N, C-alpha and C. Protein backbone atom coordinates (compact mmCIF):
# COMPACT_ATOMS: atom_id res chain seq x y z
N UNK A 1 163.10 7.37 82.79
CA UNK A 1 163.76 8.06 83.89
C UNK A 1 163.10 7.63 85.20
N UNK A 2 163.95 7.30 86.16
CA UNK A 2 163.42 6.91 87.44
C UNK A 2 163.00 8.07 88.29
N UNK A 3 161.89 7.91 89.00
CA UNK A 3 161.45 9.00 89.93
C UNK A 3 162.06 8.71 91.26
N UNK A 4 162.50 9.73 91.94
CA UNK A 4 163.07 9.56 93.27
C UNK A 4 161.97 9.90 94.29
N UNK A 5 162.02 9.18 95.33
CA UNK A 5 161.05 9.43 96.45
C UNK A 5 161.89 9.47 97.77
N UNK A 6 161.52 10.38 98.55
CA UNK A 6 162.14 10.46 99.91
C UNK A 6 161.52 9.43 100.78
N UNK A 7 162.27 8.46 101.21
CA UNK A 7 161.77 7.41 101.98
C UNK A 7 161.38 7.83 103.42
N UNK A 8 161.97 8.83 103.90
CA UNK A 8 161.74 9.28 105.26
C UNK A 8 160.77 10.42 105.26
N UNK A 9 159.90 10.62 104.27
CA UNK A 9 158.98 11.70 104.23
C UNK A 9 158.10 11.80 105.43
N UNK A 10 157.59 10.63 105.79
CA UNK A 10 156.73 10.61 107.02
C UNK A 10 157.44 10.98 108.25
N UNK A 11 158.65 10.53 108.39
CA UNK A 11 159.42 10.90 109.59
C UNK A 11 159.82 12.38 109.56
N UNK A 12 160.10 12.99 108.38
CA UNK A 12 160.43 14.42 108.31
C UNK A 12 159.21 15.23 108.71
N UNK A 13 158.03 14.77 108.20
CA UNK A 13 156.85 15.54 108.49
C UNK A 13 156.52 15.46 109.98
N UNK A 14 156.70 14.26 110.56
CA UNK A 14 156.48 14.08 111.99
C UNK A 14 157.43 14.96 112.87
N UNK A 15 158.69 14.92 112.41
CA UNK A 15 159.72 15.75 113.16
C UNK A 15 159.39 17.23 112.99
N UNK A 16 158.93 17.71 111.83
CA UNK A 16 158.57 19.07 111.64
C UNK A 16 157.41 19.46 112.56
N UNK A 17 156.40 18.54 112.62
CA UNK A 17 155.26 18.80 113.44
C UNK A 17 155.63 18.88 114.92
N UNK A 18 156.50 18.03 115.38
CA UNK A 18 156.95 18.01 116.77
C UNK A 18 157.69 19.30 117.05
N UNK A 19 158.55 19.71 116.12
CA UNK A 19 159.33 20.95 116.31
C UNK A 19 158.39 22.21 116.38
N UNK A 20 157.38 22.17 115.54
CA UNK A 20 156.44 23.30 115.57
C UNK A 20 155.67 23.28 116.91
N UNK A 21 155.31 22.13 117.42
CA UNK A 21 154.54 22.05 118.68
C UNK A 21 155.39 22.45 119.80
N UNK A 22 156.70 22.11 119.78
CA UNK A 22 157.63 22.47 120.85
C UNK A 22 157.90 23.93 120.83
N UNK A 23 158.07 24.50 119.61
CA UNK A 23 158.29 25.92 119.49
C UNK A 23 157.09 26.71 120.06
N UNK A 24 155.88 26.30 119.71
CA UNK A 24 154.67 26.95 120.19
C UNK A 24 154.62 26.83 121.68
N UNK A 25 154.94 25.70 122.23
CA UNK A 25 154.85 25.48 123.68
C UNK A 25 155.89 26.40 124.38
N UNK A 26 157.06 26.58 123.86
CA UNK A 26 158.05 27.45 124.41
C UNK A 26 157.62 28.86 124.39
N UNK A 27 157.18 29.34 123.22
CA UNK A 27 156.84 30.78 123.08
C UNK A 27 155.50 31.09 123.81
N UNK A 28 154.50 30.16 123.86
CA UNK A 28 153.24 30.49 124.42
C UNK A 28 153.06 30.16 125.87
N UNK A 29 153.88 29.24 126.38
CA UNK A 29 153.75 28.84 127.76
C UNK A 29 155.04 29.02 128.60
N UNK A 30 156.14 28.54 128.10
CA UNK A 30 157.40 28.53 128.87
C UNK A 30 157.93 29.92 129.14
N UNK A 31 157.96 30.75 128.11
CA UNK A 31 158.56 32.11 128.29
C UNK A 31 157.65 32.95 129.25
N UNK A 32 156.33 32.99 128.98
CA UNK A 32 155.48 33.74 129.98
C UNK A 32 155.58 33.20 131.40
N UNK A 33 155.65 31.86 131.57
CA UNK A 33 155.74 31.30 132.90
C UNK A 33 157.05 31.73 133.50
N UNK A 34 158.16 31.69 132.78
CA UNK A 34 159.41 32.09 133.32
C UNK A 34 159.51 33.56 133.63
N UNK A 35 158.88 34.37 132.83
CA UNK A 35 158.78 35.79 133.11
C UNK A 35 158.01 36.02 134.48
N UNK A 36 156.93 35.32 134.61
CA UNK A 36 156.15 35.50 135.91
C UNK A 36 156.91 35.02 137.15
N UNK A 37 157.66 33.88 136.95
CA UNK A 37 158.52 33.39 138.02
C UNK A 37 159.60 34.37 138.32
N UNK A 38 160.25 34.93 137.32
CA UNK A 38 161.29 35.95 137.49
C UNK A 38 160.79 37.10 138.33
N UNK A 39 159.60 37.64 138.02
CA UNK A 39 159.03 38.78 138.74
C UNK A 39 158.77 38.41 140.19
N UNK A 40 158.16 37.22 140.42
CA UNK A 40 157.89 36.81 141.76
C UNK A 40 159.08 36.62 142.61
N UNK A 41 160.12 35.98 142.02
CA UNK A 41 161.36 35.72 142.75
C UNK A 41 162.07 37.03 143.11
N UNK A 42 162.16 37.99 142.11
CA UNK A 42 162.82 39.22 142.45
C UNK A 42 162.08 39.99 143.45
N UNK A 43 160.74 40.05 143.34
CA UNK A 43 159.89 40.74 144.39
C UNK A 43 160.03 40.10 145.77
N UNK A 44 160.07 38.75 145.79
CA UNK A 44 160.18 38.05 147.11
C UNK A 44 161.55 38.29 147.77
N UNK A 45 162.60 38.21 146.93
CA UNK A 45 163.94 38.29 147.47
C UNK A 45 164.28 39.76 147.91
N UNK A 46 163.88 40.73 147.11
CA UNK A 46 164.33 42.09 147.41
C UNK A 46 163.35 42.82 148.35
N UNK A 47 162.06 42.47 148.33
CA UNK A 47 161.03 43.11 149.04
C UNK A 47 161.08 44.67 148.97
N UNK A 48 161.51 45.17 147.75
CA UNK A 48 161.56 46.55 147.52
C UNK A 48 160.83 46.81 146.24
N UNK A 49 160.23 47.95 146.10
CA UNK A 49 159.48 48.22 144.88
C UNK A 49 160.30 48.51 143.61
N UNK A 50 161.46 49.12 143.79
CA UNK A 50 162.32 49.47 142.63
C UNK A 50 162.74 48.28 141.85
N UNK A 51 163.41 47.32 142.41
CA UNK A 51 163.85 46.16 141.64
C UNK A 51 162.63 45.34 141.16
N UNK A 52 161.58 45.28 141.86
CA UNK A 52 160.44 44.59 141.37
C UNK A 52 159.76 45.25 140.17
N UNK A 53 159.72 46.57 140.12
CA UNK A 53 159.22 47.29 139.00
C UNK A 53 160.12 47.01 137.83
N UNK A 54 161.43 47.07 138.02
CA UNK A 54 162.34 46.81 136.88
C UNK A 54 162.22 45.40 136.40
N UNK A 55 161.97 44.43 137.26
CA UNK A 55 161.83 43.04 136.86
C UNK A 55 160.54 42.92 136.05
N UNK A 56 159.48 43.62 136.38
CA UNK A 56 158.22 43.64 135.60
C UNK A 56 158.50 44.21 134.20
N UNK A 57 159.25 45.26 134.15
CA UNK A 57 159.55 45.95 132.84
C UNK A 57 160.38 44.93 131.93
N UNK A 58 161.46 44.38 132.56
CA UNK A 58 162.23 43.46 131.78
C UNK A 58 161.47 42.21 131.35
N UNK A 59 160.66 41.71 132.21
CA UNK A 59 159.85 40.54 131.85
C UNK A 59 158.82 40.89 130.81
N UNK A 60 158.26 42.09 130.83
CA UNK A 60 157.32 42.53 129.77
C UNK A 60 158.03 42.61 128.44
N UNK A 61 159.25 43.17 128.43
CA UNK A 61 159.95 43.25 127.15
C UNK A 61 160.20 41.87 126.59
N UNK A 62 160.76 40.96 127.38
CA UNK A 62 160.98 39.62 126.97
C UNK A 62 159.74 38.96 126.48
N UNK A 63 158.65 39.02 127.25
CA UNK A 63 157.36 38.41 126.92
C UNK A 63 156.82 38.99 125.57
N UNK A 64 156.93 40.35 125.50
CA UNK A 64 156.44 41.03 124.29
C UNK A 64 157.17 40.63 123.04
N UNK A 65 158.55 40.57 123.12
CA UNK A 65 159.33 40.20 121.97
C UNK A 65 159.06 38.70 121.58
N UNK A 66 158.93 37.85 122.54
CA UNK A 66 158.67 36.45 122.21
C UNK A 66 157.23 36.22 121.65
N UNK A 67 156.29 37.10 122.06
CA UNK A 67 154.94 36.96 121.52
C UNK A 67 154.82 37.57 120.15
N UNK A 68 155.80 38.43 119.70
CA UNK A 68 155.73 39.00 118.36
C UNK A 68 156.84 38.42 117.44
N UNK A 69 157.31 37.25 117.70
CA UNK A 69 158.28 36.61 116.81
C UNK A 69 157.84 36.48 115.41
N UNK A 70 156.57 36.33 115.19
CA UNK A 70 156.09 36.20 113.82
C UNK A 70 156.28 37.56 113.04
N UNK A 71 156.10 38.61 113.71
CA UNK A 71 156.26 39.95 113.11
C UNK A 71 157.69 40.26 112.94
N UNK A 72 158.57 39.77 113.86
CA UNK A 72 159.94 40.19 113.88
C UNK A 72 160.90 39.24 113.12
N UNK A 73 160.36 38.15 112.57
CA UNK A 73 161.29 37.16 112.02
C UNK A 73 161.96 37.60 110.80
N UNK A 74 161.40 38.46 109.97
CA UNK A 74 162.06 38.95 108.76
C UNK A 74 162.63 40.33 108.93
N UNK A 75 162.70 40.85 110.09
CA UNK A 75 163.11 42.23 110.30
C UNK A 75 164.60 42.36 109.97
N UNK A 76 165.48 41.44 110.30
CA UNK A 76 166.88 41.49 110.00
C UNK A 76 167.15 41.44 108.51
N UNK A 77 166.40 40.60 107.79
CA UNK A 77 166.56 40.54 106.35
C UNK A 77 166.10 41.84 105.70
N UNK A 78 165.01 42.44 106.19
CA UNK A 78 164.53 43.71 105.61
C UNK A 78 165.60 44.81 105.88
N UNK A 79 166.19 44.78 107.06
CA UNK A 79 167.17 45.82 107.35
C UNK A 79 168.40 45.64 106.47
N UNK A 80 168.91 44.42 106.25
CA UNK A 80 170.05 44.21 105.42
C UNK A 80 169.78 44.67 103.94
N UNK A 81 168.60 44.31 103.44
CA UNK A 81 168.24 44.73 102.05
C UNK A 81 168.19 46.20 101.97
N UNK A 82 167.56 46.85 102.96
CA UNK A 82 167.43 48.31 102.99
C UNK A 82 168.82 48.91 103.02
N UNK A 83 169.74 48.37 103.77
CA UNK A 83 171.12 48.88 103.92
C UNK A 83 171.83 48.72 102.58
N UNK A 84 171.73 47.55 102.00
CA UNK A 84 172.50 47.29 100.75
C UNK A 84 171.96 47.93 99.50
N UNK A 85 170.63 47.98 99.28
CA UNK A 85 170.13 48.45 98.03
C UNK A 85 168.92 49.28 98.15
N UNK A 86 168.59 49.73 99.30
CA UNK A 86 167.39 50.54 99.48
C UNK A 86 167.53 51.91 98.94
N UNK A 87 166.38 52.70 98.92
CA UNK A 87 166.49 54.03 98.30
C UNK A 87 167.27 55.00 99.17
N UNK A 88 167.43 54.71 100.52
CA UNK A 88 168.19 55.58 101.31
C UNK A 88 169.53 55.05 101.67
N UNK A 89 170.02 54.09 100.90
CA UNK A 89 171.33 53.48 101.22
C UNK A 89 172.47 54.50 100.92
N UNK A 90 173.40 54.54 101.84
CA UNK A 90 174.54 55.43 101.65
C UNK A 90 175.51 54.78 100.68
N UNK A 91 175.86 55.41 99.64
CA UNK A 91 176.76 54.88 98.68
C UNK A 91 178.22 55.43 98.88
N UNK A 92 178.93 54.92 99.84
CA UNK A 92 180.24 55.38 100.07
C UNK A 92 181.30 54.72 99.27
N UNK A 93 180.92 53.65 98.52
CA UNK A 93 181.88 52.88 97.74
C UNK A 93 181.99 53.47 96.27
N UNK A 94 181.29 54.50 95.92
CA UNK A 94 181.36 55.03 94.61
C UNK A 94 182.05 56.38 94.53
């Protein structure tokens, strides 16, 4: 029996590594930088404390969610499983 080998294994690994690096760069650098720029621009343009405080709150939410993507990545799957077959699932179809 012939063994099959993926000829592009090196390229696939390189692409995966680049994708991981870009993802880390986006979540660790780009999103926090954009959040900071957003707060500065809103504060500069409005020169009022209310909108600036709201900008800080919104930026903190976005930054916090992006920083916790590792913890949040399986949350949707857990919710679906809980809804479909969990101990507290409502059985309206029976």
